[in-house]
Amino acid sequence: MKNRLILCLLICGVLLYYGIPNLSIEAGGLQGIFSISWLALAFIVVGGNLVGLLYSPKKQKQQTVALKGLSQKNRRVRQYQ
């Protein structure tokens, strides 16, 4: 999951690097609207990937280990009965 988020951030960075010089925000009409909306969506993508990267759950592995240990303990109890 972490690798996918980093990859998406890098791809979005490359798109911004190549796209920003070609966009003209000051242009009127449809070209200006497209430029502003493209930049807004690109920054939403960057923000979403950063949030996913920074706020990823870290206690998942500990819970699965505890559940595996519990299930093994239950199996031993069932074998003795």
PDB file of N, CA and C in Angstrom:
ATOM      1  N   MET A   1       0.832  -1.183   0.000  1.00  0.00           N
ATOM      2  CA  MET A   1       0.000   0.000   0.000  1.00  0.00           C
ATOM      3  C   MET A   1       0.880   1.252   0.000  1.00  0.00           C
ATOM      4  N   LYS A   2       1.931   1.236   0.837  1.00  0.00           N
ATOM      5  CA  LYS A   2       2.797   2.392   0.933  1.00  0.00           C
ATOM      6  C   LYS A   2       3.529   2.635  -0.385  1.00  0.00           C
ATOM      7  N   ASN A   3       3.943   1.567  -1.030  1.00  0.00           N
ATOM      8  CA  ASN A   3       4.656   1.709  -2.304  1.00  0.00           C
ATOM      9  C   ASN A   3       3.752   2.301  -3.379  1.00  0.00           C
ATOM     10  N   ARG A   4       2.494   1.920  -3.380  1.00  0.00           N
ATOM     11  CA  ARG A   4       1.558   2.440  -4.369  1.00  0.00           C
ATOM     12  C   ARG A   4       1.340   3.935  -4.176  1.00  0.00           C
ATOM     13  N   LEU A   5       1.244   4.373  -2.932  1.00  0.00           N
ATOM     14  CA  LEU A   5       1.037   5.792  -2.659  1.00  0.00           C
ATOM     15  C   LEU A   5       2.257   6.615  -3.069  1.00  0.00           C
ATOM     16  N   ILE A   6       3.441   6.094  -2.798  1.00  0.00           N
ATOM     17  CA  ILE A   6       4.657   6.800  -3.197  1.00  0.00           C
ATOM     18  C   ILE A   6       4.754   6.862  -4.714  1.00  0.00           C
ATOM     19  N   LEU A   7       4.408   5.773  -5.380  1.00  0.00           N
ATOM     20  CA  LEU A   7       4.433   5.756  -6.844  1.00  0.00           C
ATOM     21  C   LEU A   7       3.442   6.767  -7.421  1.00  0.00           C
ATOM     22  N   CYS A   8       2.250   6.845  -6.855  1.00  0.00           N
ATOM     23  CA  CYS A   8       1.252   7.823  -7.327  1.00  0.00           C
ATOM     24  C   CYS A   8       1.736   9.252  -7.101  1.00  0.00           C
ATOM     25  N   LEU A   9       2.402   9.511  -5.975  1.00  0.00           N
ATOM     26  CA  LEU A   9       2.944  10.841  -5.731  1.00  0.00           C
ATOM     27  C   LEU A   9       4.018  11.193  -6.757  1.00  0.00           C
ATOM     28  N   LEU A  10       4.888  10.243  -7.071  1.00  0.00           N
ATOM     29  CA  LEU A  10       5.928  10.501  -8.065  1.00  0.00           C
ATOM     30  C   LEU A  10       5.344  10.757  -9.452  1.00  0.00           C
ATOM     31  N   ILE A  11       4.350   9.967  -9.831  1.00  0.00           N
ATOM     32  CA  ILE A  11       3.717  10.162 -11.143  1.00  0.00           C
ATOM     33  C   ILE A  11       3.020  11.514 -11.207  1.00  0.00           C
ATOM     34  N   CYS A  12       2.334  11.890 -10.133  1.00  0.00           N
ATOM     35  CA  CYS A  12       1.660  13.186 -10.114  1.00  0.00           C
ATOM     36  C   CYS A  12       2.679  14.322 -10.148  1.00  0.00           C
ATOM     37  N   GLY A  13       3.807  14.138  -9.480  1.00  0.00           N
ATOM     38  CA  GLY A  13       4.862  15.139  -9.533  1.00  0.00           C
ATOM     39  C   GLY A  13       5.411  15.319 -10.939  1.00  0.00           C
ATOM     40  N   VAL A  14       5.582  14.215 -11.650  1.00  0.00           N
ATOM     41  CA  VAL A  14       6.059  14.281 -13.033  1.00  0.00           C
ATOM     42  C   VAL A  14       5.027  14.984 -13.913  1.00  0.00           C
ATOM     43  N   LEU A  15       3.764  14.660 -13.735  1.00  0.00           N
ATOM     44  CA  LEU A  15       2.715  15.321 -14.514  1.00  0.00           C
ATOM     45  C   LEU A  15       2.658  16.822 -14.230  1.00  0.00           C
ATOM     46  N   LEU A  16       2.825  17.198 -12.973  1.00  0.00           N
ATOM     47  CA  LEU A  16       2.857  18.623 -12.643  1.00  0.00           C
ATOM     48  C   LEU A  16       4.093  19.298 -13.233  1.00  0.00           C
ATOM     49  N   TYR A  17       5.222  18.609 -13.199  1.00  0.00           N
ATOM     50  CA  TYR A  17       6.463  19.168 -13.734  1.00  0.00           C
ATOM     51  C   TYR A  17       6.341  19.471 -15.228  1.00  0.00           C
ATOM     52  N   TYR A  18       5.739  18.561 -15.959  1.00  0.00           N
ATOM     53  CA  TYR A  18       5.582  18.775 -17.395  1.00  0.00           C
ATOM     54  C   TYR A  18       4.349  19.603 -17.745  1.00  0.00           C
ATOM     55  N   GLY A  19       3.339  19.601 -16.892  1.00  0.00           N
ATOM     56  CA  GLY A  19       2.091  20.274 -17.230  1.00  0.00           C
ATOM     57  C   GLY A  19       2.043  21.744 -16.895  1.00  0.00           C
ATOM     58  N   ILE A  20       2.660  22.153 -15.787  1.00  0.00           N
ATOM     59  CA  ILE A  20       2.555  23.542 -15.336  1.00  0.00           C
ATOM     60  C   ILE A  20       3.103  24.535 -16.367  1.00  0.00           C
ATOM     61  N   PRO A  21       4.241  24.275 -17.008  1.00  0.00           N
ATOM     62  CA  PRO A  21       4.699  25.265 -18.005  1.00  0.00           C
ATOM     63  C   PRO A  21       3.756  25.415 -19.201  1.00  0.00           C
ATOM     64  N   ASN A  22       2.977  24.418 -19.507  1.00  0.00           N
ATOM     65  CA  ASN A  22       2.080  24.473 -20.665  1.00  0.00           C
ATOM     66  C   ASN A  22       0.697  25.028 -20.333  1.00  0.00           C
ATOM     67  N   LEU A  23       0.386  25.191 -19.060  1.00  0.00           N
ATOM     68  CA  LEU A  23      -0.913  25.713 -18.660  1.00  0.00           C
ATOM     69  C   LEU A  23      -0.833  27.226 -18.499  1.00  0.00           C
ATOM     70  N   SER A  24      -1.850  27.900 -18.986  1.00  0.00           N
ATOM     71  CA  SER A  24      -1.896  29.354 -18.813  1.00  0.00           C
ATOM     72  C   SER A  24      -3.147  29.703 -18.014  1.00  0.00           C
ATOM     73  N   ILE A  25      -2.938  30.080 -16.775  1.00  0.00           N
ATOM     74  CA  ILE A  25      -4.055  30.388 -15.883  1.00  0.00           C
ATOM     75  C   ILE A  25      -4.700  31.714 -16.256  1.00  0.00           C
ATOM     76  N   GLU A  26      -3.905  32.658 -16.773  1.00  0.00           N
ATOM     77  CA  GLU A  26      -4.427  33.980 -17.098  1.00  0.00           C
ATOM     78  C   GLU A  26      -5.295  33.993 -18.356  1.00  0.00           C
ATOM     79  N   ALA A  27      -5.249  32.927 -19.134  1.00  0.00           N
ATOM     80  CA  ALA A  27      -6.028  32.879 -20.376  1.00  0.00           C
ATOM     81  C   ALA A  27      -7.522  32.904 -20.058  1.00  0.00           C
ATOM     82  N   GLY A  28      -8.267  33.518 -20.921  1.00  0.00           N
ATOM     83  CA  GLY A  28      -9.706  33.606 -20.708  1.00  0.00           C
ATOM     84  C   GLY A  28     -10.432  32.454 -21.379  1.00  0.00           C
ATOM     85  N   GLY A  29     -11.645  32.295 -21.015  1.00  0.00           N
ATOM     86  CA  GLY A  29     -12.492  31.296 -21.650  1.00  0.00           C
ATOM     87  C   GLY A  29     -12.227  29.883 -21.163  1.00  0.00           C
ATOM     88  N   LEU A  30     -12.411  28.964 -22.075  1.00  0.00           N
ATOM     89  CA  LEU A  30     -12.318  27.541 -21.755  1.00  0.00           C
ATOM     90  C   LEU A  30     -10.901  27.116 -21.387  1.00  0.00           C
ATOM     91  N   GLN A  31      -9.898  27.744 -21.981  1.00  0.00           N
ATOM     92  CA  GLN A  31      -8.509  27.382 -21.691  1.00  0.00           C
ATOM     93  C   GLN A  31      -8.147  27.704 -20.242  1.00  0.00           C
ATOM     94  N   GLY A  32      -8.560  28.837 -19.743  1.00  0.00           N
ATOM     95  CA  GLY A  32      -8.291  29.207 -18.357  1.00  0.00           C
ATOM     96  C   GLY A  32      -9.025  28.321 -17.373  1.00  0.00           C
ATOM     97  N   ILE A  33     -10.270  27.998 -17.684  1.00  0.00           N
ATOM     98  CA  ILE A  33     -11.055  27.106 -16.811  1.00  0.00           C
ATOM     99  C   ILE A  33     -10.416  25.729 -16.759  1.00  0.00           C
ATOM    100  N   PHE A  34      -9.960  25.233 -17.915  1.00  0.00           N
ATOM    101  CA  PHE A  34      -9.306  23.932 -17.948  1.00  0.00           C
ATOM    102  C   PHE A  34      -8.026  23.944 -17.125  1.00  0.00           C
ATOM    103  N   SER A  35      -7.227  25.002 -17.243  1.00  0.00           N
ATOM    104  CA  SER A  35      -5.965  25.090 -16.514  1.00  0.00           C
ATOM    105  C   SER A  35      -6.196  25.090 -15.008  1.00  0.00           C
ATOM    106  N   ILE A  36      -7.134  25.887 -14.561  1.00  0.00           N
ATOM    107  CA  ILE A  36      -7.410  25.973 -13.125  1.00  0.00           C
ATOM    108  C   ILE A  36      -7.968  24.659 -12.597  1.00  0.00           C
ATOM    109  N   SER A  37      -8.886  24.043 -13.338  1.00  0.00           N
ATOM    110  CA  SER A  37      -9.459  22.778 -12.864  1.00  0.00           C
ATOM    111  C   SER A  37      -8.429  21.657 -12.888  1.00  0.00           C
ATOM    112  N   TRP A  38      -7.533  21.653 -13.878  1.00  0.00           N
ATOM    113  CA  TRP A  38      -6.486  20.622 -13.945  1.00  0.00           C
ATOM    114  C   TRP A  38      -5.549  20.747 -12.752  1.00  0.00           C
ATOM    115  N   LEU A  39      -5.142  21.967 -12.431  1.00  0.00           N
ATOM    116  CA  LEU A  39      -4.267  22.180 -11.276  1.00  0.00           C
ATOM    117  C   LEU A  39      -4.965  21.834  -9.968  1.00  0.00           C
ATOM    118  N   ALA A  40      -6.237  22.187  -9.848  1.00  0.00           N
ATOM    119  CA  ALA A  40      -6.978  21.865  -8.622  1.00  0.00           C
ATOM    120  C   ALA A  40      -7.077  20.356  -8.426  1.00  0.00           C
ATOM    121  N   LEU A  41      -7.396  19.627  -9.479  1.00  0.00           N
ATOM    122  CA  LEU A  41      -7.492  18.174  -9.356  1.00  0.00           C
ATOM    123  C   LEU A  41      -6.131  17.533  -9.089  1.00  0.00           C
ATOM    124  N   ALA A  42      -5.070  18.090  -9.672  1.00  0.00           N
ATOM    125  CA  ALA A  42      -3.729  17.554  -9.416  1.00  0.00           C
ATOM    126  C   ALA A  42      -3.347  17.745  -7.950  1.00  0.00           C
ATOM    127  N   PHE A  43      -3.676  18.898  -7.386  1.00  0.00           N
ATOM    128  CA  PHE A  43      -3.346  19.126  -5.976  1.00  0.00           C
ATOM    129  C   PHE A  43      -4.238  18.300  -5.050  1.00  0.00           C
ATOM    130  N   ILE A  44      -5.448  17.996  -5.452  1.00  0.00           N
ATOM    131  CA  ILE A  44      -6.297  17.087  -4.670  1.00  0.00           C
ATOM    132  C   ILE A  44      -5.697  15.687  -4.664  1.00  0.00           C
ATOM    133  N   VAL A  45      -5.168  15.254  -5.807  1.00  0.00           N
ATOM    134  CA  VAL A  45      -4.524  13.939  -5.893  1.00  0.00           C
ATOM    135  C   VAL A  45      -3.295  13.892  -4.992  1.00  0.00           C
ATOM    136  N   VAL A  46      -2.482  14.935  -5.033  1.00  0.00           N
ATOM    137  CA  VAL A  46      -1.289  14.984  -4.178  1.00  0.00           C
ATOM    138  C   VAL A  46      -1.698  14.966  -2.707  1.00  0.00           C
ATOM    139  N   GLY A  47      -2.687  15.767  -2.359  1.00  0.00           N
ATOM    140  CA  GLY A  47      -3.146  15.810  -0.971  1.00  0.00           C
ATOM    141  C   GLY A  47      -3.714  14.480  -0.498  1.00  0.00           C
ATOM    142  N   GLY A  48      -4.486  13.834  -1.335  1.00  0.00           N
ATOM    143  CA  GLY A  48      -5.051  12.535  -0.960  1.00  0.00           C
ATOM    144  C   GLY A  48      -3.996  11.473  -0.759  1.00  0.00           C
ATOM    145  N   ASN A  49      -2.994  11.468  -1.622  1.00  0.00           N
ATOM    146  CA  ASN A  49      -1.921  10.487  -1.463  1.00  0.00           C
ATOM    147  C   ASN A  49      -1.066  10.783  -0.238  1.00  0.00           C
ATOM    148  N   LEU A  50      -0.841  12.060   0.058  1.00  0.00           N
ATOM    149  CA  LEU A  50      -0.085  12.398   1.261  1.00  0.00           C
ATOM    150  C   LEU A  50      -0.848  12.014   2.520  1.00  0.00           C
ATOM    151  N   VAL A  51      -2.151  12.249   2.533  1.00  0.00           N
ATOM    152  CA  VAL A  51      -2.958  11.851   3.687  1.00  0.00           C
ATOM    153  C   VAL A  51      -2.926  10.334   3.866  1.00  0.00           C
ATOM    154  N   GLY A  52      -3.051   9.603   2.774  1.00  0.00           N
ATOM    155  CA  GLY A  52      -2.987   8.146   2.862  1.00  0.00           C
ATOM    156  C   GLY A  52      -1.636   7.656   3.326  1.00  0.00           C
ATOM    157  N   LEU A  53      -0.582   8.342   2.949  1.00  0.00           N
ATOM    158  CA  LEU A  53       0.766   7.949   3.354  1.00  0.00           C
ATOM    159  C   LEU A  53       1.045   8.297   4.806  1.00  0.00           C
ATOM    160  N   LEU A  54       0.594   9.463   5.246  1.00  0.00           N
ATOM    161  CA  LEU A  54       0.905   9.909   6.599  1.00  0.00           C
ATOM    162  C   LEU A  54       0.007   9.286   7.664  1.00  0.00           C
ATOM    163  N   TYR A  55      -1.218   8.985   7.316  1.00  0.00           N
ATOM    164  CA  TYR A  55      -2.165   8.464   8.308  1.00  0.00           C
ATOM    165  C   TYR A  55      -2.496   6.993   8.091  1.00  0.00           C
ATOM    166  N   SER A  56      -1.550   6.220   7.627  1.00  0.00           N
ATOM    167  CA  SER A  56      -1.796   4.788   7.432  1.00  0.00           C
ATOM    168  C   SER A  56      -1.772   4.090   8.789  1.00  0.00           C
ATOM    169  N   PRO A  57      -2.645   3.108   8.996  1.00  0.00           N
ATOM    170  CA  PRO A  57      -2.682   2.400  10.285  1.00  0.00           C
ATOM    171  C   PRO A  57      -1.413   1.572  10.475  1.00  0.00           C
ATOM    172  N   LYS A  58      -0.876   1.598  11.686  1.00  0.00           N
ATOM    173  CA  LYS A  58       0.363   0.883  11.966  1.00  0.00           C
ATOM    174  C   LYS A  58       0.165  -0.305  12.899  1.00  0.00           C
ATOM    175  N   LYS A  59      -1.004  -0.449  13.528  1.00  0.00           N
ATOM    176  CA  LYS A  59      -1.233  -1.496  14.500  1.00  0.00           C
ATOM    177  C   LYS A  59      -1.886  -2.731  13.900  1.00  0.00           C
ATOM    178  N   GLN A  60      -2.019  -2.808  12.591  1.00  0.00           N
ATOM    179  CA  GLN A  60      -2.662  -3.946  11.958  1.00  0.00           C
ATOM    180  C   GLN A  60      -1.864  -5.231  12.172  1.00  0.00           C
ATOM    181  N   LYS A  61      -0.567  -5.177  12.043  1.00  0.00           N
ATOM    182  CA  LYS A  61       0.249  -6.379  12.173  1.00  0.00           C
ATOM    183  C   LYS A  61       0.190  -6.942  13.579  1.00  0.00           C
ATOM    184  N   GLN A  62       0.165  -6.081  14.589  1.00  0.00           N
ATOM    185  CA  GLN A  62       0.095  -6.556  15.962  1.00  0.00           C
ATOM    186  C   GLN A  62      -1.227  -7.256  16.230  1.00  0.00           C
ATOM    187  N   GLN A  63      -2.316  -6.772  15.674  1.00  0.00           N
ATOM    188  CA  GLN A  63      -3.610  -7.395  15.889  1.00  0.00           C
ATOM    189  C   GLN A  63      -3.676  -8.757  15.217  1.00  0.00           C
ATOM    190  N   THR A  64      -3.123  -8.890  14.025  1.00  0.00           N
ATOM    191  CA  THR A  64      -3.182 -10.175  13.346  1.00  0.00           C
ATOM    192  C   THR A  64      -2.328 -11.203  14.062  1.00  0.00           C
ATOM    193  N   VAL A  65      -1.205 -10.794  14.616  1.00  0.00           N
ATOM    194  CA  VAL A  65      -0.357 -11.728  15.366  1.00  0.00           C
ATOM    195  C   VAL A  65      -1.096 -12.194  16.606  1.00  0.00           C
ATOM    196  N   ALA A  66      -1.782 -11.272  17.291  1.00  0.00           N
ATOM    197  CA  ALA A  66      -2.533 -11.646  18.482  1.00  0.00           C
ATOM    198  C   ALA A  66      -3.670 -12.603  18.126  1.00  0.00           C
ATOM    199  N   LEU A  67      -4.332 -12.391  17.022  1.00  0.00           N
ATOM    200  CA  LEU A  67      -5.411 -13.279  16.617  1.00  0.00           C
ATOM    201  C   LEU A  67      -4.881 -14.652  16.219  1.00  0.00           C
ATOM    202  N   LYS A  68      -3.745 -14.698  15.564  1.00  0.00           N
ATOM    203  CA  LYS A  68      -3.170 -15.987  15.205  1.00  0.00           C
ATOM    204  C   LYS A  68      -2.798 -16.775  16.446  1.00  0.00           C
ATOM    205  N   GLY A  69      -2.220 -16.112  17.434  1.00  0.00           N
ATOM    206  CA  GLY A  69      -1.868 -16.786  18.680  1.00  0.00           C
ATOM    207  C   GLY A  69      -3.091 -17.291  19.399  1.00  0.00           C
ATOM    208  N   LEU A  70      -4.166 -16.532  19.360  1.00  0.00           N
ATOM    209  CA  LEU A  70      -5.413 -16.925  20.011  1.00  0.00           C
ATOM    210  C   LEU A  70      -6.014 -18.142  19.316  1.00  0.00           C
ATOM    211  N   SER A  71      -5.962 -18.169  18.013  1.00  0.00           N
ATOM    212  CA  SER A  71      -6.541 -19.301  17.310  1.00  0.00           C
ATOM    213  C   SER A  71      -5.724 -20.566  17.556  1.00  0.00           C
ATOM    214  N   GLN A  72      -4.413 -20.458  17.670  1.00  0.00           N
ATOM    215  CA  GLN A  72      -3.585 -21.630  17.973  1.00  0.00           C
ATOM    216  C   GLN A  72      -3.870 -22.135  19.383  1.00  0.00           C
ATOM    217  N   LYS A  73      -4.099 -21.216  20.311  1.00  0.00           N
ATOM    218  CA  LYS A  73      -4.409 -21.604  21.678  1.00  0.00           C
ATOM    219  C   LYS A  73      -5.750 -22.329  21.714  1.00  0.00           C
ATOM    220  N   ASN A  74      -6.732 -21.854  20.952  1.00  0.00           N
ATOM    221  CA  ASN A  74      -8.036 -22.504  20.896  1.00  0.00           C
ATOM    222  C   ASN A  74      -7.918 -23.892  20.271  1.00  0.00           C
ATOM    223  N   ARG A  75      -7.069 -24.059  19.296  1.00  0.00           N
ATOM    224  CA  ARG A  75      -6.885 -25.366  18.679  1.00  0.00           C
ATOM    225  C   ARG A  75      -6.323 -26.363  19.673  1.00  0.00           C
ATOM    226  N   ARG A  76      -5.380 -25.919  20.505  1.00  0.00           N
ATOM    227  CA  ARG A  76      -4.806 -26.814  21.516  1.00  0.00           C
ATOM    228  C   ARG A  76      -5.853 -27.235  22.531  1.00  0.00           C
ATOM    229  N   VAL A  77      -6.703 -26.285  22.931  1.00  0.00           N
ATOM    230  CA  VAL A  77      -7.759 -26.608  23.888  1.00  0.00           C
ATOM    231  C   VAL A  77      -8.722 -27.598  23.283  1.00  0.00           C
ATOM    232  N   ARG A  78      -9.063 -27.449  22.022  1.00  0.00           N
ATOM    233  CA  ARG A  78     -10.000 -28.356  21.378  1.00  0.00           C
ATOM    234  C   ARG A  78      -9.405 -29.754  21.225  1.00  0.00           C
ATOM    235  N   GLN A  79      -8.104 -29.835  21.032  1.00  0.00           N
ATOM    236  CA  GLN A  79      -7.481 -31.159  20.882  1.00  0.00           C
ATOM    237  C   GLN A  79      -7.520 -31.920  22.199  1.00  0.00           C
ATOM    238  N   TYR A  80      -7.391 -31.252  23.332  1.00  0.00           N
ATOM    239  CA  TYR A  80      -7.411 -31.934  24.619  1.00  0.00           C
ATOM    240  C   TYR A  80      -8.801 -32.357  25.052  1.00  0.00           C
ATOM    241  N   GLN A  81      -9.800 -31.725  24.477  1.00  0.00           N
ATOM    242  CA  GLN A  81     -11.169 -32.074  24.889  1.00  0.00           C
ATOM    243  C   GLN A  81     -11.592 -33.268  24.156  1.00  0.00           C
TER     244      GLN A  81
END
